[in-house]
Amino acid sequence: MNKRYTEEQIISAIKEHEAGAKVDDICGSVSISSGRFYNWRSKCAGLEVNEAKRLRELESENGKQRSF
């Protein structure tokens, strides 16, 4: 099952970690692997929700252009 997470969920998880929460605790509450969390963090650390949404839109648009 492929579950898609919203930008709000991703940014919230990253901010929890920045506030001092343990990665294992965050991953358990969001039901993700630690690898996925670290991928999110590398892409979205320091971003706000609106910036993360724009990043996802640009990546999607870029993928569509490559398929032509």
N, C-alpha and C. Protein backbone atom coordinates (compact mmCIF):
# COMPACT_ATOMS: atom_id res chain seq x y z
N MET A 1 0.84 -1.18 0.00
CA MET A 1 0.00 0.00 0.00
C MET A 1 0.89 1.24 0.00
N ASN A 2 0.62 2.12 -0.91
CA ASN A 2 1.40 3.34 -1.03
C ASN A 2 0.61 4.49 -0.41
N LYS A 3 1.05 4.96 0.73
CA LYS A 3 0.36 6.05 1.41
C LYS A 3 1.08 7.35 1.11
N ARG A 4 0.34 8.33 0.69
CA ARG A 4 0.93 9.63 0.39
C ARG A 4 0.73 10.55 1.58
N TYR A 5 1.79 11.21 1.96
CA TYR A 5 1.74 12.11 3.10
C TYR A 5 1.65 13.54 2.61
N THR A 6 0.92 14.36 3.36
CA THR A 6 0.76 15.76 2.99
C THR A 6 2.01 16.53 3.40
N GLU A 7 2.15 17.69 2.81
CA GLU A 7 3.27 18.56 3.17
C GLU A 7 3.21 18.93 4.65
N GLU A 8 1.98 19.12 5.15
CA GLU A 8 1.82 19.46 6.55
C GLU A 8 2.36 18.36 7.46
N GLN A 9 2.09 17.10 7.11
CA GLN A 9 2.58 15.98 7.90
C GLN A 9 4.10 15.90 7.85
N ILE A 10 4.67 16.10 6.69
CA ILE A 10 6.12 16.02 6.52
C ILE A 10 6.81 17.12 7.32
N ILE A 11 6.35 18.36 7.15
CA ILE A 11 6.97 19.49 7.85
C ILE A 11 6.77 19.34 9.35
N SER A 12 5.61 18.87 9.78
CA SER A 12 5.35 18.67 11.20
C SER A 12 6.32 17.65 11.79
N ALA A 13 6.57 16.56 11.08
CA ALA A 13 7.49 15.53 11.57
C ALA A 13 8.91 16.09 11.67
N ILE A 14 9.32 16.87 10.69
CA ILE A 14 10.67 17.46 10.72
C ILE A 14 10.80 18.45 11.87
N LYS A 15 9.76 19.26 12.08
CA LYS A 15 9.80 20.24 13.17
C LYS A 15 9.82 19.56 14.54
N GLU A 16 9.12 18.43 14.66
CA GLU A 16 9.18 17.67 15.91
C GLU A 16 10.61 17.24 16.20
N HIS A 17 11.29 16.77 15.16
CA HIS A 17 12.67 16.32 15.32
C HIS A 17 13.57 17.50 15.71
N GLU A 18 13.36 18.63 15.06
CA GLU A 18 14.16 19.82 15.39
C GLU A 18 13.91 20.27 16.83
N ALA A 19 12.71 19.99 17.35
CA ALA A 19 12.38 20.37 18.72
C ALA A 19 12.95 19.38 19.74
N GLY A 20 13.53 18.27 19.26
CA GLY A 20 14.17 17.35 20.18
C GLY A 20 13.57 15.97 20.26
N ALA A 21 12.52 15.69 19.51
CA ALA A 21 11.92 14.36 19.54
C ALA A 21 12.84 13.36 18.84
N LYS A 22 12.78 12.11 19.29
CA LYS A 22 13.61 11.06 18.71
C LYS A 22 13.01 10.60 17.39
N VAL A 23 13.88 10.27 16.45
CA VAL A 23 13.43 9.83 15.13
C VAL A 23 12.55 8.59 15.24
N ASP A 24 12.91 7.64 16.08
CA ASP A 24 12.12 6.41 16.22
C ASP A 24 10.70 6.72 16.71
N ASP A 25 10.57 7.67 17.62
CA ASP A 25 9.25 8.04 18.12
C ASP A 25 8.41 8.69 17.02
N ILE A 26 9.03 9.57 16.25
CA ILE A 26 8.32 10.24 15.15
C ILE A 26 7.89 9.22 14.11
N CYS A 27 8.80 8.34 13.74
CA CYS A 27 8.50 7.34 12.72
C CYS A 27 7.36 6.43 13.16
N GLY A 28 7.33 6.08 14.43
CA GLY A 28 6.25 5.25 14.95
C GLY A 28 4.90 5.95 14.91
N SER A 29 4.90 7.23 15.21
CA SER A 29 3.63 7.96 15.24
C SER A 29 3.10 8.25 13.83
N VAL A 30 3.99 8.39 12.86
CA VAL A 30 3.58 8.69 11.49
C VAL A 30 3.51 7.43 10.63
N SER A 31 4.01 6.31 11.16
CA SER A 31 4.05 5.02 10.45
C SER A 31 4.92 5.07 9.20
N ILE A 32 6.16 5.51 9.39
CA ILE A 32 7.13 5.53 8.30
C ILE A 32 8.43 4.90 8.79
N SER A 33 9.31 4.59 7.85
CA SER A 33 10.62 4.07 8.23
C SER A 33 11.55 5.24 8.52
N SER A 34 12.62 4.95 9.22
CA SER A 34 13.58 6.02 9.52
C SER A 34 14.24 6.50 8.23
N GLY A 35 14.41 5.61 7.26
CA GLY A 35 14.98 6.01 5.97
C GLY A 35 14.13 7.05 5.26
N ARG A 36 12.81 6.83 5.29
CA ARG A 36 11.91 7.80 4.67
C ARG A 36 11.98 9.14 5.39
N PHE A 37 12.04 9.09 6.73
CA PHE A 37 12.14 10.33 7.49
C PHE A 37 13.39 11.11 7.08
N TYR A 38 14.52 10.43 6.99
CA TYR A 38 15.76 11.12 6.64
C TYR A 38 15.72 11.64 5.20
N ASN A 39 15.00 10.96 4.30
CA ASN A 39 14.80 11.49 2.94
C ASN A 39 13.99 12.78 2.99
N TRP A 40 12.92 12.76 3.78
CA TRP A 40 12.11 13.96 3.95
C TRP A 40 12.96 15.09 4.49
N ARG A 41 13.74 14.79 5.51
CA ARG A 41 14.55 15.82 6.15
C ARG A 41 15.56 16.41 5.18
N SER A 42 16.17 15.58 4.35
CA SER A 42 17.15 16.10 3.40
C SER A 42 16.50 17.00 2.35
N LYS A 43 15.26 16.69 1.98
CA LYS A 43 14.56 17.51 0.98
C LYS A 43 13.90 18.74 1.57
N CYS A 44 13.33 18.61 2.75
CA CYS A 44 12.42 19.63 3.25
C CYS A 44 12.87 20.35 4.52
N ALA A 45 14.03 20.06 5.04
CA ALA A 45 14.47 20.73 6.26
C ALA A 45 14.58 22.23 6.01
N GLY A 46 14.00 23.00 6.88
CA GLY A 46 14.06 24.45 6.76
C GLY A 46 12.96 25.05 5.90
N LEU A 47 12.14 24.20 5.28
CA LEU A 47 11.05 24.70 4.45
C LEU A 47 9.79 24.89 5.27
N GLU A 48 8.96 25.79 4.84
CA GLU A 48 7.63 25.93 5.40
C GLU A 48 6.67 25.15 4.51
N VAL A 49 5.43 25.00 4.96
CA VAL A 49 4.47 24.16 4.25
C VAL A 49 4.25 24.64 2.82
N ASN A 50 4.09 25.95 2.62
CA ASN A 50 3.83 26.45 1.27
C ASN A 50 5.03 26.22 0.34
N GLU A 51 6.23 26.31 0.89
CA GLU A 51 7.42 26.05 0.08
C GLU A 51 7.52 24.58 -0.29
N ALA A 52 7.17 23.69 0.64
CA ALA A 52 7.21 22.26 0.37
C ALA A 52 6.18 21.88 -0.69
N LYS A 53 5.00 22.51 -0.65
CA LYS A 53 3.98 22.26 -1.67
C LYS A 53 4.50 22.67 -3.04
N ARG A 54 5.12 23.81 -3.12
CA ARG A 54 5.66 24.31 -4.39
C ARG A 54 6.76 23.38 -4.91
N LEU A 55 7.61 22.89 -4.01
CA LEU A 55 8.66 21.96 -4.40
C LEU A 55 8.06 20.69 -5.00
N ARG A 56 7.02 20.14 -4.36
CA ARG A 56 6.38 18.94 -4.87
C ARG A 56 5.75 19.20 -6.24
N GLU A 57 5.12 20.37 -6.42
CA GLU A 57 4.52 20.71 -7.71
C GLU A 57 5.59 20.79 -8.80
N LEU A 58 6.70 21.42 -8.49
CA LEU A 58 7.78 21.54 -9.47
C LEU A 58 8.36 20.19 -9.84
N GLU A 59 8.53 19.31 -8.86
CA GLU A 59 9.05 17.98 -9.14
C GLU A 59 8.09 17.19 -10.02
N SER A 60 6.80 17.32 -9.75
CA SER A 60 5.79 16.63 -10.56
C SER A 60 5.79 17.16 -11.99
N GLU A 61 5.84 18.47 -12.13
CA GLU A 61 5.87 19.10 -13.45
C GLU A 61 7.13 18.68 -14.21
N ASN A 62 8.25 18.63 -13.54
CA ASN A 62 9.49 18.23 -14.16
C ASN A 62 9.42 16.78 -14.65
N GLY A 63 8.81 15.91 -13.85
CA GLY A 63 8.66 14.51 -14.25
C GLY A 63 7.78 14.36 -15.48
N LYS A 64 6.73 15.17 -15.57
CA LYS A 64 5.84 15.11 -16.74
C LYS A 64 6.57 15.57 -17.99
N GLN A 65 7.40 16.59 -17.86
CA GLN A 65 8.13 17.12 -19.02
C GLN A 65 9.16 16.11 -19.52
N ARG A 66 9.75 15.36 -18.63
CA ARG A 66 10.74 14.36 -19.02
C ARG A 66 10.13 13.21 -19.79
N SER A 67 8.84 12.92 -19.54
CA SER A 67 8.21 11.79 -20.20
C SER A 67 7.83 12.08 -21.65
N PHE A 68 7.93 13.33 -22.08
CA PHE A 68 7.59 13.66 -23.47
C PHE A 68 8.69 13.37 -24.39
